[in-house]
Amino acid sequence: GGIRRCIGMAFAQLEMKLVISGILTGCELALAANRPVRPVRRGLTSGPSPFQMVMKERLAVH
């Protein structure tokens, strides 16, 4: 924020969303290992335990 904020920031964020959604439209995300992702306590908050994702090409439906 602030007075010297980039005037193109909103456009760049929208463009990133469009590019990422275009890439993910043709892909399917899955966990690399077949283990559940459990919450891990980090001070006052919690987050997911470390995990890895893989991208698989989505099969076309005819």
PDB file of N, CA and C in Angstrom:
ATOM      1  N   GLY A   1       0.817  -1.179   0.000  1.00  0.00           N
ATOM      2  CA  GLY A   1       0.000   0.000   0.000  1.00  0.00           C
ATOM      3  C   GLY A   1       0.862   1.243   0.000  1.00  0.00           C
ATOM      4  N   GLY A   2       0.242   2.319   0.308  1.00  0.00           N
ATOM      5  CA  GLY A   2       0.946   3.585   0.393  1.00  0.00           C
ATOM      6  C   GLY A   2       0.791   4.410  -0.864  1.00  0.00           C
ATOM      7  N   ILE A   3       1.305   5.619  -0.800  1.00  0.00           N
ATOM      8  CA  ILE A   3       1.150   6.564  -1.897  1.00  0.00           C
ATOM      9  C   ILE A   3       1.982   6.189  -3.129  1.00  0.00           C
ATOM     10  N   ARG A   4       3.070   5.471  -2.935  1.00  0.00           N
ATOM     11  CA  ARG A   4       3.954   5.127  -4.057  1.00  0.00           C
ATOM     12  C   ARG A   4       3.732   3.699  -4.551  1.00  0.00           C
ATOM     13  N   ARG A   5       2.534   3.216  -4.391  1.00  0.00           N
ATOM     14  CA  ARG A   5       2.189   1.862  -4.815  1.00  0.00           C
ATOM     15  C   ARG A   5       2.217   1.761  -6.339  1.00  0.00           C
ATOM     16  N   CYS A   6       2.581   0.612  -6.839  1.00  0.00           N
ATOM     17  CA  CYS A   6       2.645   0.379  -8.284  1.00  0.00           C
ATOM     18  C   CYS A   6       1.251   0.499  -8.893  1.00  0.00           C
ATOM     19  N   ILE A   7       1.104   1.305  -9.936  1.00  0.00           N
ATOM     20  CA  ILE A   7      -0.216   1.496 -10.543  1.00  0.00           C
ATOM     21  C   ILE A   7      -0.665   0.257 -11.328  1.00  0.00           C
ATOM     22  N   GLY A   8       0.259  -0.613 -11.673  1.00  0.00           N
ATOM     23  CA  GLY A   8      -0.094  -1.814 -12.423  1.00  0.00           C
ATOM     24  C   GLY A   8      -0.273  -3.046 -11.554  1.00  0.00           C
ATOM     25  N   MET A   9      -0.217  -2.894 -10.223  1.00  0.00           N
ATOM     26  CA  MET A   9      -0.265  -4.052  -9.333  1.00  0.00           C
ATOM     27  C   MET A   9      -1.577  -4.832  -9.465  1.00  0.00           C
ATOM     28  N   ALA A  10      -2.708  -4.155  -9.494  1.00  0.00           N
ATOM     29  CA  ALA A  10      -4.000  -4.846  -9.594  1.00  0.00           C
ATOM     30  C   ALA A  10      -4.089  -5.614 -10.909  1.00  0.00           C
ATOM     31  N   PHE A  11      -3.615  -5.011 -11.996  1.00  0.00           N
ATOM     32  CA  PHE A  11      -3.621  -5.694 -13.292  1.00  0.00           C
ATOM     33  C   PHE A  11      -2.705  -6.910 -13.265  1.00  0.00           C
ATOM     34  N   ALA A  12      -1.530  -6.781 -12.672  1.00  0.00           N
ATOM     35  CA  ALA A  12      -0.581  -7.896 -12.597  1.00  0.00           C
ATOM     36  C   ALA A  12      -1.160  -9.045 -11.778  1.00  0.00           C
ATOM     37  N   GLN A  13      -1.844  -8.742 -10.682  1.00  0.00           N
ATOM     38  CA  GLN A  13      -2.450  -9.792  -9.860  1.00  0.00           C
ATOM     39  C   GLN A  13      -3.564 -10.506 -10.619  1.00  0.00           C
ATOM     40  N   LEU A  14      -4.381  -9.763 -11.347  1.00  0.00           N
ATOM     41  CA  LEU A  14      -5.434 -10.370 -12.153  1.00  0.00           C
ATOM     42  C   LEU A  14      -4.839 -11.251 -13.243  1.00  0.00           C
ATOM     43  N   GLU A  15      -3.797 -10.768 -13.886  1.00  0.00           N
ATOM     44  CA  GLU A  15      -3.137 -11.536 -14.943  1.00  0.00           C
ATOM     45  C   GLU A  15      -2.536 -12.832 -14.386  1.00  0.00           C
ATOM     46  N   MET A  16      -1.934 -12.773 -13.197  1.00  0.00           N
ATOM     47  CA  MET A  16      -1.385 -13.989 -12.576  1.00  0.00           C
ATOM     48  C   MET A  16      -2.490 -15.002 -12.310  1.00  0.00           C
ATOM     49  N   LYS A  17      -3.641 -14.547 -11.821  1.00  0.00           N
ATOM     50  CA  LYS A  17      -4.763 -15.453 -11.563  1.00  0.00           C
ATOM     51  C   LYS A  17      -5.226 -16.120 -12.852  1.00  0.00           C
ATOM     52  N   LEU A  18      -5.297 -15.357 -13.941  1.00  0.00           N
ATOM     53  CA  LEU A  18      -5.732 -15.916 -15.220  1.00  0.00           C
ATOM     54  C   LEU A  18      -4.741 -16.941 -15.758  1.00  0.00           C
ATOM     55  N   VAL A  19      -3.456 -16.650 -15.663  1.00  0.00           N
ATOM     56  CA  VAL A  19      -2.429 -17.578 -16.150  1.00  0.00           C
ATOM     57  C   VAL A  19      -2.432 -18.858 -15.325  1.00  0.00           C
ATOM     58  N   ILE A  20      -2.475 -18.737 -14.009  1.00  0.00           N
ATOM     59  CA  ILE A  20      -2.465 -19.922 -13.145  1.00  0.00           C
ATOM     60  C   ILE A  20      -3.719 -20.756 -13.368  1.00  0.00           C
ATOM     61  N   SER A  21      -4.879 -20.116 -13.484  1.00  0.00           N
ATOM     62  CA  SER A  21      -6.106 -20.886 -13.713  1.00  0.00           C
ATOM     63  C   SER A  21      -6.071 -21.562 -15.078  1.00  0.00           C
ATOM     64  N   GLY A  22      -5.469 -20.921 -16.074  1.00  0.00           N
ATOM     65  CA  GLY A  22      -5.330 -21.545 -17.390  1.00  0.00           C
ATOM     66  C   GLY A  22      -4.442 -22.777 -17.354  1.00  0.00           C
ATOM     67  N   ILE A  23      -3.361 -22.713 -16.590  1.00  0.00           N
ATOM     68  CA  ILE A  23      -2.460 -23.867 -16.455  1.00  0.00           C
ATOM     69  C   ILE A  23      -3.164 -24.990 -15.703  1.00  0.00           C
ATOM     70  N   LEU A  24      -3.829 -24.658 -14.606  1.00  0.00           N
ATOM     71  CA  LEU A  24      -4.456 -25.681 -13.770  1.00  0.00           C
ATOM     72  C   LEU A  24      -5.705 -26.284 -14.401  1.00  0.00           C
ATOM     73  N   THR A  25      -6.295 -25.621 -15.388  1.00  0.00           N
ATOM     74  CA  THR A  25      -7.464 -26.172 -16.058  1.00  0.00           C
ATOM     75  C   THR A  25      -7.120 -27.484 -16.748  1.00  0.00           C
ATOM     76  N   GLY A  26      -5.917 -27.589 -17.273  1.00  0.00           N
ATOM     77  CA  GLY A  26      -5.505 -28.805 -17.964  1.00  0.00           C
ATOM     78  C   GLY A  26      -4.795 -29.801 -17.074  1.00  0.00           C
ATOM     79  N   CYS A  27      -4.755 -29.536 -15.765  1.00  0.00           N
ATOM     80  CA  CYS A  27      -4.024 -30.409 -14.847  1.00  0.00           C
ATOM     81  C   CYS A  27      -4.895 -30.821 -13.673  1.00  0.00           C
ATOM     82  N   GLU A  28      -4.440 -31.857 -13.006  1.00  0.00           N
ATOM     83  CA  GLU A  28      -5.087 -32.330 -11.787  1.00  0.00           C
ATOM     84  C   GLU A  28      -4.015 -32.375 -10.710  1.00  0.00           C
ATOM     85  N   LEU A  29      -4.298 -31.824  -9.544  1.00  0.00           N
ATOM     86  CA  LEU A  29      -3.343 -31.835  -8.442  1.00  0.00           C
ATOM     87  C   LEU A  29      -3.620 -33.027  -7.539  1.00  0.00           C
ATOM     88  N   ALA A  30      -2.554 -33.666  -7.076  1.00  0.00           N
ATOM     89  CA  ALA A  30      -2.686 -34.801  -6.161  1.00  0.00           C
ATOM     90  C   ALA A  30      -1.517 -34.781  -5.195  1.00  0.00           C
ATOM     91  N   LEU A  31      -1.706 -35.394  -4.038  1.00  0.00           N
ATOM     92  CA  LEU A  31      -0.606 -35.534  -3.086  1.00  0.00           C
ATOM     93  C   LEU A  31       0.397 -36.533  -3.639  1.00  0.00           C
ATOM     94  N   ALA A  32       1.690 -36.231  -3.493  1.00  0.00           N
ATOM     95  CA  ALA A  32       2.733 -37.130  -3.995  1.00  0.00           C
ATOM     96  C   ALA A  32       2.743 -38.432  -3.206  1.00  0.00           C
ATOM     97  N   ALA A  33       2.599 -38.351  -1.907  1.00  0.00           N
ATOM     98  CA  ALA A  33       2.553 -39.543  -1.060  1.00  0.00           C
ATOM     99  C   ALA A  33       1.105 -39.761  -0.634  1.00  0.00           C
ATOM    100  N   ASN A  34       0.758 -40.986  -0.409  1.00  0.00           N
ATOM    101  CA  ASN A  34      -0.616 -41.294  -0.037  1.00  0.00           C
ATOM    102  C   ASN A  34      -0.792 -41.216   1.481  1.00  0.00           C
ATOM    103  N   ARG A  35      -0.341 -40.096   2.070  1.00  0.00           N
ATOM    104  CA  ARG A  35      -0.444 -39.887   3.518  1.00  0.00           C
ATOM    105  C   ARG A  35      -1.312 -38.661   3.774  1.00  0.00           C
ATOM    106  N   PRO A  36      -2.074 -38.665   4.860  1.00  0.00           N
ATOM    107  CA  PRO A  36      -2.889 -37.485   5.168  1.00  0.00           C
ATOM    108  C   PRO A  36      -2.008 -36.304   5.599  1.00  0.00           C
ATOM    109  N   VAL A  37      -2.445 -35.108   5.268  1.00  0.00           N
ATOM    110  CA  VAL A  37      -1.758 -33.891   5.706  1.00  0.00           C
ATOM    111  C   VAL A  37      -2.371 -33.496   7.040  1.00  0.00           C
ATOM    112  N   ARG A  38      -1.551 -33.479   8.081  1.00  0.00           N
ATOM    113  CA  ARG A  38      -2.042 -33.204   9.432  1.00  0.00           C
ATOM    114  C   ARG A  38      -1.665 -31.777   9.850  1.00  0.00           C
ATOM    115  N   PRO A  39      -2.477 -31.171  10.713  1.00  0.00           N
ATOM    116  CA  PRO A  39      -2.125 -29.839  11.210  1.00  0.00           C
ATOM    117  C   PRO A  39      -0.919 -29.900  12.146  1.00  0.00           C
ATOM    118  N   VAL A  40      -0.054 -28.898  12.039  1.00  0.00           N
ATOM    119  CA  VAL A  40       1.135 -28.787  12.886  1.00  0.00           C
ATOM    120  C   VAL A  40       1.035 -27.462  13.626  1.00  0.00           C
ATOM    121  N   ARG A  41       1.270 -27.486  14.907  1.00  0.00           N
ATOM    122  CA  ARG A  41       1.192 -26.263  15.712  1.00  0.00           C
ATOM    123  C   ARG A  41       2.462 -25.435  15.508  1.00  0.00           C
ATOM    124  N   ARG A  42       2.273 -24.141  15.243  1.00  0.00           N
ATOM    125  CA  ARG A  42       3.387 -23.208  15.046  1.00  0.00           C
ATOM    126  C   ARG A  42       3.146 -21.992  15.923  1.00  0.00           C
ATOM    127  N   GLY A  43       3.569 -22.099  17.172  1.00  0.00           N
ATOM    128  CA  GLY A  43       3.323 -20.996  18.105  1.00  0.00           C
ATOM    129  C   GLY A  43       1.845 -20.906  18.431  1.00  0.00           C
ATOM    130  N   LEU A  44       1.229 -19.768  18.143  1.00  0.00           N
ATOM    131  CA  LEU A  44      -0.196 -19.584  18.418  1.00  0.00           C
ATOM    132  C   LEU A  44      -1.083 -20.082  17.287  1.00  0.00           C
ATOM    133  N   THR A  45      -0.500 -20.297  16.129  1.00  0.00           N
ATOM    134  CA  THR A  45      -1.283 -20.728  14.970  1.00  0.00           C
ATOM    135  C   THR A  45      -0.914 -22.153  14.585  1.00  0.00           C
ATOM    136  N   SER A  46      -1.621 -22.681  13.624  1.00  0.00           N
ATOM    137  CA  SER A  46      -1.277 -24.005  13.104  1.00  0.00           C
ATOM    138  C   SER A  46      -1.299 -23.948  11.584  1.00  0.00           C
ATOM    139  N   GLY A  47      -0.642 -24.915  10.976  1.00  0.00           N
ATOM    140  CA  GLY A  47      -0.583 -25.001   9.528  1.00  0.00           C
ATOM    141  C   GLY A  47      -0.428 -26.451   9.133  1.00  0.00           C
ATOM    142  N   PRO A  48      -0.389 -26.731   7.844  1.00  0.00           N
ATOM    143  CA  PRO A  48      -0.270 -28.118   7.410  1.00  0.00           C
ATOM    144  C   PRO A  48       1.137 -28.658   7.636  1.00  0.00           C
ATOM    145  N   SER A  49       1.224 -29.968   7.859  1.00  0.00           N
ATOM    146  CA  SER A  49       2.537 -30.607   7.918  1.00  0.00           C
ATOM    147  C   SER A  49       3.144 -30.542   6.515  1.00  0.00           C
ATOM    148  N   PRO A  50       4.469 -30.646   6.389  1.00  0.00           N
ATOM    149  CA  PRO A  50       5.081 -30.583   5.065  1.00  0.00           C
ATOM    150  C   PRO A  50       4.516 -31.669   4.141  1.00  0.00           C
ATOM    151  N   PHE A  51       4.238 -31.290   2.906  1.00  0.00           N
ATOM    152  CA  PHE A  51       3.718 -32.244   1.928  1.00  0.00           C
ATOM    153  C   PHE A  51       4.166 -31.828   0.537  1.00  0.00           C
ATOM    154  N   GLN A  52       4.097 -32.755  -0.397  1.00  0.00           N
ATOM    155  CA  GLN A  52       4.456 -32.473  -1.783  1.00  0.00           C
ATOM    156  C   GLN A  52       3.260 -32.769  -2.672  1.00  0.00           C
ATOM    157  N   MET A  53       3.102 -31.944  -3.700  1.00  0.00           N
ATOM    158  CA  MET A  53       2.016 -32.124  -4.658  1.00  0.00           C
ATOM    159  C   MET A  53       2.607 -32.500  -6.011  1.00  0.00           C
ATOM    160  N   VAL A  54       1.857 -33.230  -6.797  1.00  0.00           N
ATOM    161  CA  VAL A  54       2.243 -33.535  -8.171  1.00  0.00           C
ATOM    162  C   VAL A  54       1.123 -33.054  -9.089  1.00  0.00           C
ATOM    163  N   MET A  55       1.513 -32.643 -10.287  1.00  0.00           N
ATOM    164  CA  MET A  55       0.537 -32.229 -11.297  1.00  0.00           C
ATOM    165  C   MET A  55       0.446 -33.330 -12.340  1.00  0.00           C
ATOM    166  N   LYS A  56      -0.770 -33.787 -12.590  1.00  0.00           N
ATOM    167  CA  LYS A  56      -1.003 -34.799 -13.612  1.00  0.00           C
ATOM    168  C   LYS A  56      -1.835 -34.165 -14.714  1.00  0.00           C
ATOM    169  N   GLU A  57      -1.564 -34.556 -15.952  1.00  0.00           N
ATOM    170  CA  GLU A  57      -2.349 -34.027 -17.058  1.00  0.00           C
ATOM    171  C   GLU A  57      -3.771 -34.563 -16.960  1.00  0.00           C
ATOM    172  N   ARG A  58      -4.722 -33.677 -17.086  1.00  0.00           N
ATOM    173  CA  ARG A  58      -6.130 -34.071 -17.014  1.00  0.00           C
ATOM    174  C   ARG A  58      -6.510 -34.737 -18.331  1.00  0.00           C
ATOM    175  N   LEU A  59      -7.158 -35.877 -18.243  1.00  0.00           N
ATOM    176  CA  LEU A  59      -7.574 -36.595 -19.441  1.00  0.00           C
ATOM    177  C   LEU A  59      -8.809 -35.931 -20.034  1.00  0.00           C
ATOM    178  N   ALA A  60      -8.820 -35.811 -21.348  1.00  0.00           N
ATOM    179  CA  ALA A  60      -9.952 -35.196 -22.031  1.00  0.00           C
ATOM    180  C   ALA A  60     -11.139 -36.153 -22.031  1.00  0.00           C
ATOM    181  N   VAL A  61     -12.327 -35.609 -21.820  1.00  0.00           N
ATOM    182  CA  VAL A  61     -13.549 -36.411 -21.854  1.00  0.00           C
ATOM    183  C   VAL A  61     -14.254 -36.118 -23.168  1.00  0.00           C
ATOM    184  N   HIS A  62     -14.500 -37.173 -23.939  1.00  0.00           N
ATOM    185  CA  HIS A  62     -15.176 -36.985 -25.243  1.00  0.00           C
ATOM    186  C   HIS A  62     -16.573 -37.520 -25.185  1.00  0.00           C
TER     187      HIS A  62
END
